[in-house]
Amino acid sequence: MNPCAVYCRVSTEKQKEKHTIESQKRILPALADQNGWPVFRQYIDDGVSGEALRYMPALQRMLDDAEADLFSRILIIDIDRFTRFHRDSERALIVDICLEHHIQVVTPDHTYDLGNRNDRLQFNIKGTVSLYEKETIRERCKRGIAEKRRQGRWLGGIPPAGYLYNRNTRRLEIDPATAPTVQQIMALAVDHSPRDIARQIAGYTPRTIRRILEPARLTFYTGRIQLGGDIVAGQHPDLITADLMDSILIAKKKRNARGSRSTQAKHLLTGLGILRCGYCGRSLKGWTDKKTRKNGRQYTRTYYRCTSIQDIAGPCSRSRMIPAGLLETRIITNIETTLAHPDALRDALAAALDGQPDTEKIKEKIKEKIKGEKTKKQRLIQAIEEGVLEFADAKNRIQAINATLAAAQKQLAAQENQAPAWNETTIEQLAGETFEGRPFHDARNLLTACIKKISVYQSNAYLEYQFPVMSSGQTTKRLKF
């Protein structure tokens, strides 16, 4: 008796719930044994799509063996295992091979003799219906996914850094372990490149930070989702404000406009965005000049000068070259002297905070308002999901809540911008710090932690600190050359 071929295929996890490869390998050989058909070979396509013949290597080998007349029957668990082709020509190829070599297609329920026109008609009809069902399911899935996206729901996958997925509520929640680090990255991204941030935060590479700072990911961190050209409100809490996102994007654009030059700094004060010409406001750059003496020996001189020297219109008329060693030494000495007197810094902090409005109470009220609006929105969404309320009826109410949330978040951001970024903890962390023995990049980090801006003039410079340093509460100190 001529042998038969056993063909098994599963393409998705859902199909495995109905018939796994193992169940097919058990059922089909048992069917062959029941009818006394010896099995020539088992052909298995595990996790393979049935949309095109080129995706099914085992089926291709079986068709080659069929043309070699190595078996007279093909056993499959269901007719749709190899009839869901998008191209009719591929299904016709199988029919032609079976007709030419007198091969029957056998399932546990029916035997198809494709030489019989009724069986051939059923074979083709079932294949067409199977393909139609698959495409219908796919379209429904696409529509369902699109609707979930419009509702701002999380569709699965690995949550972005700063979030974790709650299986009970099926929502994203803020991860208390990683969210503070992500917020720190966002705060640093306004003034620092991904490479500089990676040097300050352990465990994050520049590539990871660039991925976090992508526009779509930044939008996600504001509690919204970018959907094509539109932005919809998400069902997850926000980690940053929209104003902070705009500041980060503007800073990225400015950094990209500088070109693709290396970010490896060669001078202590360059590339930090804090060293400025006091006359024209442009940045100062470090220059290295090599000269040869009369005796043939070379010497190197390094200095800082306004970048307007490169302008076609000519350099800033009042700026001058300042020896790098002189400027760096004076600035470092000023910072170390300031940090060596923590009591004076505490007095300056108290003077600066005297008379400041109580922003914490204002922020708490705004946060309570935001929380209440989010609760209202969540109730509406839950009512829509349970079928109590139609989406069209709730649409205007959701839009009004979104508008109220956006206004409240802007008020909160304005309050946070007004509040000082320094406190007594800042002073305690920096008190007594020195530059001695620090690696180059650590020295630059300490510099930016203390100094916000340095305005350089011909014979003096003004250092604007990140925190109050004068008994009057002022943040600026003057140093002479």
Protein backbone atom coordinates (compact mmCIF):
# COMPACT_ATOMS: atom_id res chain seq x y z
CA MET A 1 0.00 0.00 0.00
CA ASN A 2 1.29 3.45 -0.91
CA PRO A 3 2.54 5.50 2.03
CA CYS A 4 1.08 8.82 3.16
CA ALA A 5 2.60 12.14 4.21
CA VAL A 6 1.72 13.89 7.47
CA TYR A 7 1.73 17.71 7.42
CA CYS A 8 1.56 19.71 10.67
CA ARG A 9 1.51 23.47 11.00
CA VAL A 10 0.81 26.02 13.75
CA SER A 11 1.34 29.74 13.16
CA THR A 12 0.09 31.47 16.34
CA GLU A 13 -0.29 30.89 20.06
CA LYS A 14 -4.08 31.00 19.70
CA GLN A 15 -3.98 28.14 17.21
CA LYS A 16 -1.92 26.16 19.70
CA GLU A 17 -4.85 26.29 22.10
CA LYS A 18 -6.87 24.33 19.53
CA HIS A 19 -4.25 22.02 18.04
CA THR A 20 -0.59 22.06 19.00
CA ILE A 21 2.14 20.49 16.91
CA GLU A 22 2.29 17.66 19.42
CA SER A 23 -1.45 16.97 19.19
CA GLN A 24 -1.26 16.93 15.37
CA LYS A 25 1.72 14.57 15.51
CA ARG A 26 -0.36 12.29 17.73
CA ILE A 27 -3.71 12.44 15.90
CA LEU A 28 -2.56 12.21 12.28
CA PRO A 29 -0.21 9.17 12.59
CA ALA A 30 -2.97 7.44 14.59
CA LEU A 31 -5.36 8.16 11.69
CA ALA A 32 -2.85 6.67 9.26
CA ASP A 33 -2.36 3.60 11.46
CA GLN A 34 -6.13 3.15 11.78
CA ASN A 35 -6.47 2.98 7.99
CA GLY A 36 -3.33 0.92 7.46
CA TRP A 37 -1.38 3.66 5.69
CA PRO A 38 2.36 3.67 6.36
CA VAL A 39 3.75 7.16 7.07
CA PHE A 40 6.44 8.16 4.60
CA ARG A 41 7.50 11.34 6.48
CA GLN A 42 6.18 14.03 8.80
CA TYR A 43 6.50 17.60 7.48
CA ILE A 44 6.32 20.24 10.23
CA ASP A 45 6.03 24.03 9.93
CA ASP A 46 6.03 25.26 13.54
CA GLY A 47 5.21 28.95 14.09
CA VAL A 48 5.02 29.60 10.34
CA SER A 49 2.52 31.91 8.63
CA GLY A 50 0.19 30.35 6.06
CA GLU A 51 -0.17 33.49 3.95
CA ALA A 52 2.40 32.56 1.31
CA LEU A 53 4.11 29.39 0.14
CA ARG A 54 7.58 30.94 0.52
CA TYR A 55 7.05 31.12 4.30
CA MET A 56 6.38 27.35 4.55
CA PRO A 57 9.61 25.38 3.89
CA ALA A 58 8.22 22.04 5.08
CA LEU A 59 5.22 22.35 2.72
CA GLN A 60 7.56 23.12 -0.17
CA ARG A 61 9.59 19.96 0.58
CA MET A 62 6.37 17.94 0.76
CA LEU A 63 5.24 19.22 -2.65
CA ASP A 64 8.64 18.32 -4.12
CA ASP A 65 8.29 14.79 -2.71
CA ALA A 66 4.72 14.63 -4.04
CA GLU A 67 5.96 15.37 -7.56
CA ALA A 68 8.44 12.53 -7.08
CA ASP A 69 5.46 10.17 -6.38
CA LEU A 70 6.76 9.25 -2.91
CA PHE A 71 3.25 9.08 -1.35
CA SER A 72 -0.40 9.05 -2.41
CA ARG A 73 -2.10 10.83 0.50
CA ILE A 74 -1.54 13.95 2.57
CA LEU A 75 -2.89 13.91 6.13
CA ILE A 76 -3.68 17.28 7.73
CA ILE A 77 -5.64 18.26 10.83
CA ASP A 78 -7.79 20.79 8.94
CA ILE A 79 -8.11 21.93 5.36
CA ASP A 80 -7.05 25.49 6.25
CA ARG A 81 -3.52 24.29 7.15
CA PHE A 82 -2.43 24.98 3.57
CA THR A 83 -5.28 26.82 1.85
CA ARG A 84 -5.09 30.31 3.40
CA PHE A 85 -2.89 31.68 0.66
CA HIS A 86 -3.42 35.25 -0.48
CA ARG A 87 -2.59 34.21 -4.03
CA ASP A 88 -5.04 31.89 -5.76
CA SER A 89 -2.15 30.64 -7.91
CA GLU A 90 -0.46 29.04 -4.88
CA ARG A 91 -3.62 27.14 -3.90
CA ALA A 92 -4.04 26.16 -7.56
CA LEU A 93 -0.46 24.80 -7.55
CA ILE A 94 -1.33 22.39 -4.73
CA VAL A 95 -4.50 21.30 -6.54
CA ASP A 96 -2.57 20.74 -9.80
CA ILE A 97 0.10 18.64 -8.09
CA CYS A 98 -2.52 16.53 -6.31
CA LEU A 99 -4.48 16.06 -9.56
CA GLU A 100 -1.44 15.19 -11.65
CA HIS A 101 -0.07 12.65 -9.16
CA HIS A 102 -3.45 11.34 -7.91
CA ILE A 103 -2.89 12.43 -4.30
CA GLN A 104 -5.77 12.59 -1.84
CA VAL A 105 -6.00 15.16 0.97
CA VAL A 106 -7.27 13.52 4.17
CA THR A 107 -8.53 15.17 7.38
CA PRO A 108 -10.01 13.35 10.44
CA ASP A 109 -13.47 14.36 9.13
CA HIS A 110 -13.26 13.96 5.35
CA THR A 111 -11.21 12.63 2.47
CA TYR A 112 -10.83 15.00 -0.48
CA ASP A 113 -10.28 13.40 -3.87
CA LEU A 114 -9.40 16.45 -5.94
CA GLY A 115 -10.10 14.52 -9.13
CA ASN A 116 -13.75 14.66 -8.06
CA ARG A 117 -15.29 18.02 -8.94
CA ASN A 118 -17.48 18.11 -5.80
CA ASP A 119 -14.48 17.50 -3.51
CA ARG A 120 -12.42 20.00 -5.48
CA LEU A 121 -15.21 22.58 -5.12
CA GLN A 122 -15.39 21.99 -1.35
CA PHE A 123 -11.62 22.21 -1.11
CA ASN A 124 -11.55 25.58 -2.91
CA ILE A 125 -14.59 26.95 -1.07
CA LYS A 126 -13.19 26.05 2.34
CA GLY A 127 -9.86 27.60 1.44
CA THR A 128 -11.54 30.85 0.29
CA VAL A 129 -13.80 30.98 3.37
CA SER A 130 -10.83 30.30 5.64
CA LEU A 131 -8.88 33.15 4.05
CA TYR A 132 -11.92 35.44 4.31
CA GLU A 133 -12.29 34.62 8.02
CA LYS A 134 -8.63 35.28 8.65
CA GLU A 135 -8.75 38.68 6.92
CA THR A 136 -11.96 39.58 8.75
CA ILE A 137 -10.39 38.74 12.11
CA ARG A 138 -7.31 40.75 11.19
CA GLU A 139 -9.40 43.81 10.26
CA ARG A 140 -11.35 43.55 13.51
CA CYS A 141 -8.13 43.32 15.48
CA LYS A 142 -6.75 46.38 13.70
CA ARG A 143 -9.92 48.34 14.43
CA GLY A 144 -9.86 47.23 18.06
CA ILE A 145 -6.20 48.20 18.45
CA ALA A 146 -6.81 51.58 16.79
CA GLU A 147 -9.78 52.26 19.10
CA LYS A 148 -7.72 51.34 22.16
CA ARG A 149 -4.98 53.68 20.98
CA ARG A 150 -7.49 56.50 20.56
CA GLN A 151 -8.63 55.87 24.12
CA GLY A 152 -5.01 56.17 25.29
CA ARG A 153 -4.75 52.59 26.56
CA TRP A 154 -1.50 50.67 26.94
CA LEU A 155 -1.39 47.86 24.37
CA GLY A 156 1.24 45.72 26.04
CA GLY A 157 4.94 45.10 25.71
CA ILE A 158 7.80 46.23 27.93
CA PRO A 159 6.75 49.41 29.79
CA PRO A 160 8.98 52.47 29.31
CA ALA A 161 11.50 53.24 32.03
CA GLY A 162 9.72 54.83 34.96
CA TYR A 163 6.56 52.73 34.63
CA LEU A 164 5.42 49.24 35.58
CA TYR A 165 2.36 47.28 34.43
CA ASN A 166 -0.32 46.38 36.99
CA ARG A 167 -1.95 43.12 35.87
CA ASN A 168 -4.93 43.64 38.16
CA THR A 169 -5.94 47.07 36.86
CA ARG A 170 -4.40 46.48 33.40
CA ARG A 171 -2.89 49.93 33.57
CA LEU A 172 0.57 51.45 33.72
CA GLU A 173 1.64 52.86 37.07
CA ILE A 174 4.63 54.90 38.14
CA ASP A 175 7.54 52.72 39.20
CA PRO A 176 8.91 54.24 42.44
CA ALA A 177 12.27 52.54 41.82
CA THR A 178 13.05 54.00 38.38
CA ALA A 179 10.77 57.05 38.04
CA PRO A 180 13.05 59.42 40.07
CA THR A 181 16.00 58.52 37.83
CA VAL A 182 13.95 59.20 34.67
CA GLN A 183 12.84 62.56 36.09
CA GLN A 184 16.47 63.36 36.89
CA ILE A 185 17.43 62.54 33.28
CA MET A 186 14.67 64.86 32.04
CA ALA A 187 15.87 67.68 34.28
CA LEU A 188 19.47 67.28 33.10
CA ALA A 189 18.47 67.02 29.42
CA VAL A 190 17.66 70.73 29.27
CA ASP A 191 21.33 71.68 29.71
CA HIS A 192 23.29 68.47 29.04
CA SER A 193 23.77 66.06 26.16
CA PRO A 194 22.98 62.34 26.49
CA ARG A 195 26.69 61.60 26.77
CA ASP A 196 27.10 64.02 29.69
CA ILE A 197 23.99 62.62 31.40
CA ALA A 198 25.32 59.07 31.06
CA ARG A 199 28.48 60.14 32.88
CA GLN A 200 26.41 61.44 35.80
CA ILE A 201 23.85 58.61 36.08
CA ALA A 202 25.14 55.07 36.48
CA GLY A 203 23.50 52.26 34.55
CA TYR A 204 22.33 54.37 31.60
CA THR A 205 24.20 54.50 28.31
CA PRO A 206 24.01 57.48 25.91
CA ARG A 207 22.01 55.31 23.51
CA THR A 208 19.43 54.46 26.20
CA ILE A 209 19.11 58.12 27.17
CA ARG A 210 18.64 59.17 23.52
CA ARG A 211 15.83 56.62 23.28
CA ILE A 212 14.20 58.08 26.41
CA LEU A 213 14.46 61.58 24.94
CA GLU A 214 12.80 60.73 21.61
CA PRO A 215 9.82 63.05 20.89
CA ALA A 216 7.24 60.24 20.96
CA ARG A 217 8.62 58.90 24.26
CA LEU A 218 8.71 62.40 25.77
CA THR A 219 5.06 62.83 24.78
CA PHE A 220 4.29 59.54 26.53
CA TYR A 221 6.00 60.79 29.70
CA THR A 222 3.65 63.81 29.73
CA GLY A 223 0.67 61.46 30.09
CA ARG A 224 -0.22 61.57 26.39
CA ILE A 225 0.19 59.28 23.37
CA GLN A 226 1.29 60.27 19.89
CA LEU A 227 -1.17 58.74 17.43
CA GLY A 228 -0.05 59.50 13.90
CA GLY A 229 -0.24 63.26 13.59
CA ASP A 230 -2.54 63.59 16.61
CA ILE A 231 -1.86 63.50 20.34
CA VAL A 232 -4.44 61.90 22.63
CA ALA A 233 -4.68 61.75 26.40
CA GLY A 234 -3.30 58.50 27.81
CA GLN A 235 -4.64 56.40 30.64
CA HIS A 236 -1.30 56.46 32.45
CA PRO A 237 0.09 59.04 34.94
CA ASP A 238 2.54 61.67 33.74
CA LEU A 239 6.17 61.94 34.88
CA ILE A 240 7.01 65.36 33.40
CA THR A 241 5.15 68.49 32.36
CA ALA A 242 4.51 69.56 28.78
CA ASP A 243 6.61 72.70 29.33
CA LEU A 244 9.61 70.59 30.38
CA MET A 245 9.17 68.45 27.26
CA ASP A 246 9.20 71.59 25.09
CA SER A 247 12.37 72.81 26.82
CA ILE A 248 14.09 69.46 26.19
CA LEU A 249 13.13 69.45 22.50
CA ILE A 250 14.37 73.03 22.06
CA ALA A 251 17.67 72.14 23.75
CA LYS A 252 18.07 69.06 21.51
CA LYS A 253 17.44 71.18 18.43
CA LYS A 254 20.11 73.66 19.49
CA ARG A 255 22.63 70.89 20.13
CA ASN A 256 21.91 69.29 16.76
CA ALA A 257 22.36 72.66 15.04
CA ARG A 258 25.96 72.75 16.25
CA GLY A 259 26.82 69.92 13.88
CA SER A 260 28.32 66.50 14.42
CA ARG A 261 31.47 67.61 16.19
CA SER A 262 32.85 65.50 18.99
CA THR A 263 31.32 66.10 22.42
CA GLN A 264 34.61 65.24 24.14
CA ALA A 265 35.57 68.44 25.96
CA LYS A 266 39.21 69.53 25.96
CA HIS A 267 38.88 72.48 28.35
CA LEU A 268 37.34 72.63 31.81
CA LEU A 269 34.87 75.44 31.08
CA THR A 270 33.83 74.75 27.49
CA GLY A 271 30.80 72.80 26.33
CA LEU A 272 28.86 73.39 29.56
CA GLY A 273 26.80 76.33 28.31
CA ILE A 274 27.75 78.50 31.31
CA LEU A 275 30.75 80.54 30.08
CA ARG A 276 29.59 83.72 28.33
CA CYS A 277 31.07 86.97 27.06
CA GLY A 278 29.82 89.79 29.29
CA TYR A 279 29.63 92.22 26.34
CA CYS A 280 27.92 90.32 23.52
CA GLY A 281 26.49 87.32 25.43
CA ARG A 282 28.12 84.70 23.20
CA SER A 283 29.94 81.68 24.57
CA LEU A 284 33.65 81.64 25.26
CA LYS A 285 35.72 78.89 23.70
CA GLY A 286 39.04 77.41 24.67
CA TRP A 287 41.86 77.94 22.14
CA THR A 288 45.30 76.36 22.00
CA ASP A 289 48.06 78.27 20.22
CA LYS A 290 51.40 76.66 19.37
CA LYS A 291 54.39 78.91 18.69
CA THR A 292 58.11 78.45 18.05
CA ARG A 293 60.79 80.44 19.84
CA LYS A 294 63.92 81.79 18.16
CA ASN A 295 65.92 78.89 19.52
CA GLY A 296 63.57 76.46 17.72
CA ARG A 297 61.73 75.22 20.83
CA GLN A 298 57.94 75.10 20.68
CA TYR A 299 55.60 76.22 23.43
CA THR A 300 51.82 76.02 23.84
CA ARG A 301 49.52 78.71 25.15
CA THR A 302 45.88 78.02 26.04
CA TYR A 303 43.32 80.76 26.54
CA TYR A 304 39.59 81.56 26.39
CA ARG A 305 38.07 83.99 23.94
CA CYS A 306 34.61 84.98 22.68
CA THR A 307 33.46 82.81 19.75
CA SER A 308 32.58 85.99 17.83
CA ILE A 309 36.20 85.88 16.61
CA GLN A 310 34.96 83.44 13.97
CA ASP A 311 32.25 85.78 12.66
CA ILE A 312 32.60 87.29 9.19
CA ALA A 313 31.53 90.68 10.58
CA GLY A 314 34.45 90.60 12.99
CA PRO A 315 34.99 89.75 16.68
CA CYS A 316 33.45 91.43 19.68
CA SER A 317 35.42 94.68 20.00
CA ARG A 318 35.71 94.68 23.79
CA SER A 319 36.51 91.03 24.46
CA ARG A 320 40.06 89.87 24.96
CA MET A 321 42.04 86.68 25.27
CA ILE A 322 42.17 85.43 28.87
CA PRO A 323 44.74 82.80 29.87
CA ALA A 324 42.93 79.54 30.59
CA GLY A 325 44.97 78.78 33.69
CA LEU A 326 44.24 82.20 35.19
CA LEU A 327 40.46 82.05 34.60
CA GLU A 328 40.06 78.44 35.73
CA THR A 329 42.16 78.97 38.87
CA ARG A 330 40.22 82.06 39.92
CA ILE A 331 36.85 80.37 39.38
CA ILE A 332 37.86 77.16 41.21
CA THR A 333 39.25 79.18 44.13
CA ASN A 334 36.03 81.19 44.38
CA ILE A 335 33.88 78.05 44.39
CA GLU A 336 36.02 76.23 46.97
CA THR A 337 36.07 79.31 49.23
CA THR A 338 32.30 79.58 48.98
CA LEU A 339 31.71 75.90 49.77
CA ALA A 340 34.13 76.01 52.69
CA HIS A 341 31.72 78.23 54.68
CA PRO A 342 28.43 76.30 54.99
CA ASP A 343 27.18 78.56 57.82
CA ALA A 344 27.38 81.59 55.54
CA LEU A 345 25.52 79.63 52.86
CA ARG A 346 22.76 78.77 55.34
CA ASP A 347 22.40 82.44 56.28
CA ALA A 348 22.23 83.36 52.58
CA LEU A 349 19.59 80.68 52.06
CA ALA A 350 17.51 81.99 54.96
CA ALA A 351 17.73 85.54 53.58
CA ALA A 352 16.65 84.36 50.13
CA LEU A 353 13.69 82.38 51.49
CA ASP A 354 12.50 85.23 53.70
CA GLY A 355 9.32 86.65 52.23
CA GLN A 356 8.91 83.93 49.61
CA PRO A 357 5.26 82.91 48.98
CA ASP A 358 4.16 79.52 50.30
CA THR A 359 4.17 77.71 46.98
CA GLU A 360 3.78 74.28 48.54
CA LYS A 361 0.19 74.93 49.61
CA ILE A 362 -0.64 76.29 46.17
CA LYS A 363 0.90 73.24 44.50
CA GLU A 364 -0.99 70.87 46.81
CA LYS A 365 -4.31 72.49 45.84
CA ILE A 366 -3.47 72.20 42.14
CA LYS A 367 -2.45 68.55 42.58
CA GLU A 368 -5.73 67.77 44.34
CA LYS A 369 -7.60 69.37 41.46
CA ILE A 370 -5.65 67.31 38.93
CA LYS A 371 -6.30 64.14 40.92
CA GLY A 372 -10.05 64.88 41.03
CA GLU A 373 -10.25 65.52 37.28
CA LYS A 374 -8.33 62.31 36.53
CA THR A 375 -10.76 60.39 38.75
CA LYS A 376 -13.71 61.84 36.83
CA LYS A 377 -12.08 60.88 33.55
CA GLN A 378 -11.35 57.36 34.79
CA ARG A 379 -14.98 56.90 35.81
CA LEU A 380 -16.18 57.98 32.36
CA ILE A 381 -13.77 55.60 30.64
CA GLN A 382 -14.85 52.76 32.91
CA ALA A 383 -18.51 53.50 32.14
CA ILE A 384 -17.72 53.35 28.40
CA GLU A 385 -15.88 50.02 28.78
CA GLU A 386 -18.79 48.53 30.75
CA GLY A 387 -21.31 49.68 28.16
CA VAL A 388 -23.15 52.00 30.56
CA LEU A 389 -22.25 55.08 28.53
CA GLU A 390 -21.67 55.55 24.80
CA PHE A 391 -18.37 57.04 23.69
CA ALA A 392 -20.14 59.70 21.61
CA ASP A 393 -22.11 60.86 24.67
CA ALA A 394 -19.01 61.08 26.84
CA LYS A 395 -16.73 62.62 24.23
CA ASN A 396 -17.51 66.28 25.06
CA ARG A 397 -17.19 65.66 28.78
CA ILE A 398 -13.81 63.95 28.31
CA GLN A 399 -12.58 66.84 26.16
CA ALA A 400 -13.64 69.33 28.86
CA ILE A 401 -11.80 67.31 31.50
CA ASN A 402 -8.69 67.16 29.28
CA ALA A 403 -8.79 70.95 28.86
CA THR A 404 -9.10 71.43 32.63
CA LEU A 405 -6.22 69.00 33.23
CA ALA A 406 -4.00 70.80 30.72
CA ALA A 407 -4.68 74.18 32.36
CA ALA A 408 -4.03 72.79 35.86
CA GLN A 409 -0.78 71.14 34.75
CA LYS A 410 0.40 74.45 33.30
CA GLN A 411 -0.37 76.17 36.60
CA LEU A 412 1.57 73.47 38.46
CA ALA A 413 4.53 73.83 36.09
CA ALA A 414 4.49 77.61 36.59
CA GLN A 415 4.56 77.16 40.36
CA GLU A 416 7.42 74.67 40.13
CA ASN A 417 9.41 77.06 37.94
CA GLN A 418 8.88 79.85 40.46
CA ALA A 419 10.01 77.68 43.35
CA PRO A 420 13.79 77.69 43.94
CA ALA A 421 15.66 74.60 42.80
CA TRP A 422 17.88 74.78 45.89
CA ASN A 423 17.30 74.10 49.57
CA GLU A 424 19.29 73.28 52.67
CA THR A 425 19.88 69.74 51.39
CA THR A 426 21.67 71.19 48.37
CA ILE A 427 24.04 73.12 50.63
CA GLU A 428 24.70 70.08 52.85
CA GLN A 429 25.59 67.97 49.80
CA LEU A 430 28.05 70.53 48.38
CA ALA A 431 29.54 71.92 51.60
CA GLY A 432 33.27 71.32 51.83
CA GLU A 433 33.64 69.90 48.31
CA THR A 434 36.90 70.66 46.46
CA PHE A 435 38.30 70.15 42.97
CA GLU A 436 41.55 68.62 44.19
CA GLY A 437 42.08 65.05 43.00
CA ARG A 438 38.85 64.93 41.00
CA PRO A 439 38.82 63.40 37.50
CA PHE A 440 38.19 65.83 34.66
CA HIS A 441 34.52 64.98 34.14
CA ASP A 442 33.79 64.92 37.90
CA ALA A 443 35.29 68.40 38.15
CA ARG A 444 32.98 69.59 35.37
CA ASN A 445 29.98 68.03 37.15
CA LEU A 446 30.87 69.85 40.38
CA LEU A 447 31.27 73.06 38.40
CA THR A 448 27.77 72.84 36.87
CA ALA A 449 26.28 71.82 40.22
CA CYS A 450 27.53 75.12 41.67
CA ILE A 451 27.56 77.60 38.78
CA LYS A 452 24.64 78.62 36.60
CA LYS A 453 26.40 81.25 34.48
CA ILE A 454 29.81 82.96 34.20
CA SER A 455 29.89 86.40 32.54
CA VAL A 456 33.46 87.37 31.58
CA TYR A 457 34.64 90.97 31.05
CA GLN A 458 38.08 92.46 30.39
CA SER A 459 39.29 92.63 33.99
CA ASN A 460 36.64 90.77 36.01
CA ALA A 461 33.95 88.10 35.85
CA TYR A 462 30.59 87.55 37.54
CA LEU A 463 29.76 84.07 38.81
CA GLU A 464 26.04 83.34 39.11
CA TYR A 465 25.65 80.41 41.51
CA GLN A 466 22.87 77.83 41.51
CA PHE A 467 22.04 78.81 45.12
CA PRO A 468 22.26 81.95 47.32
CA VAL A 469 25.81 82.82 48.35
CA MET A 470 25.56 86.40 49.72
CA SER A 471 24.17 87.55 53.06
CA SER A 472 21.56 89.52 51.13
CA GLY A 473 20.29 86.34 49.45
CA GLN A 474 21.88 87.13 46.09
CA THR A 475 23.35 84.36 43.93
CA THR A 476 26.09 86.38 42.17
CA LYS A 477 29.74 86.89 43.11
CA ARG A 478 32.37 89.01 41.44
CA LEU A 479 36.01 88.04 40.91
CA LYS A 480 38.92 90.11 39.54
CA PHE A 481 41.75 88.96 37.28
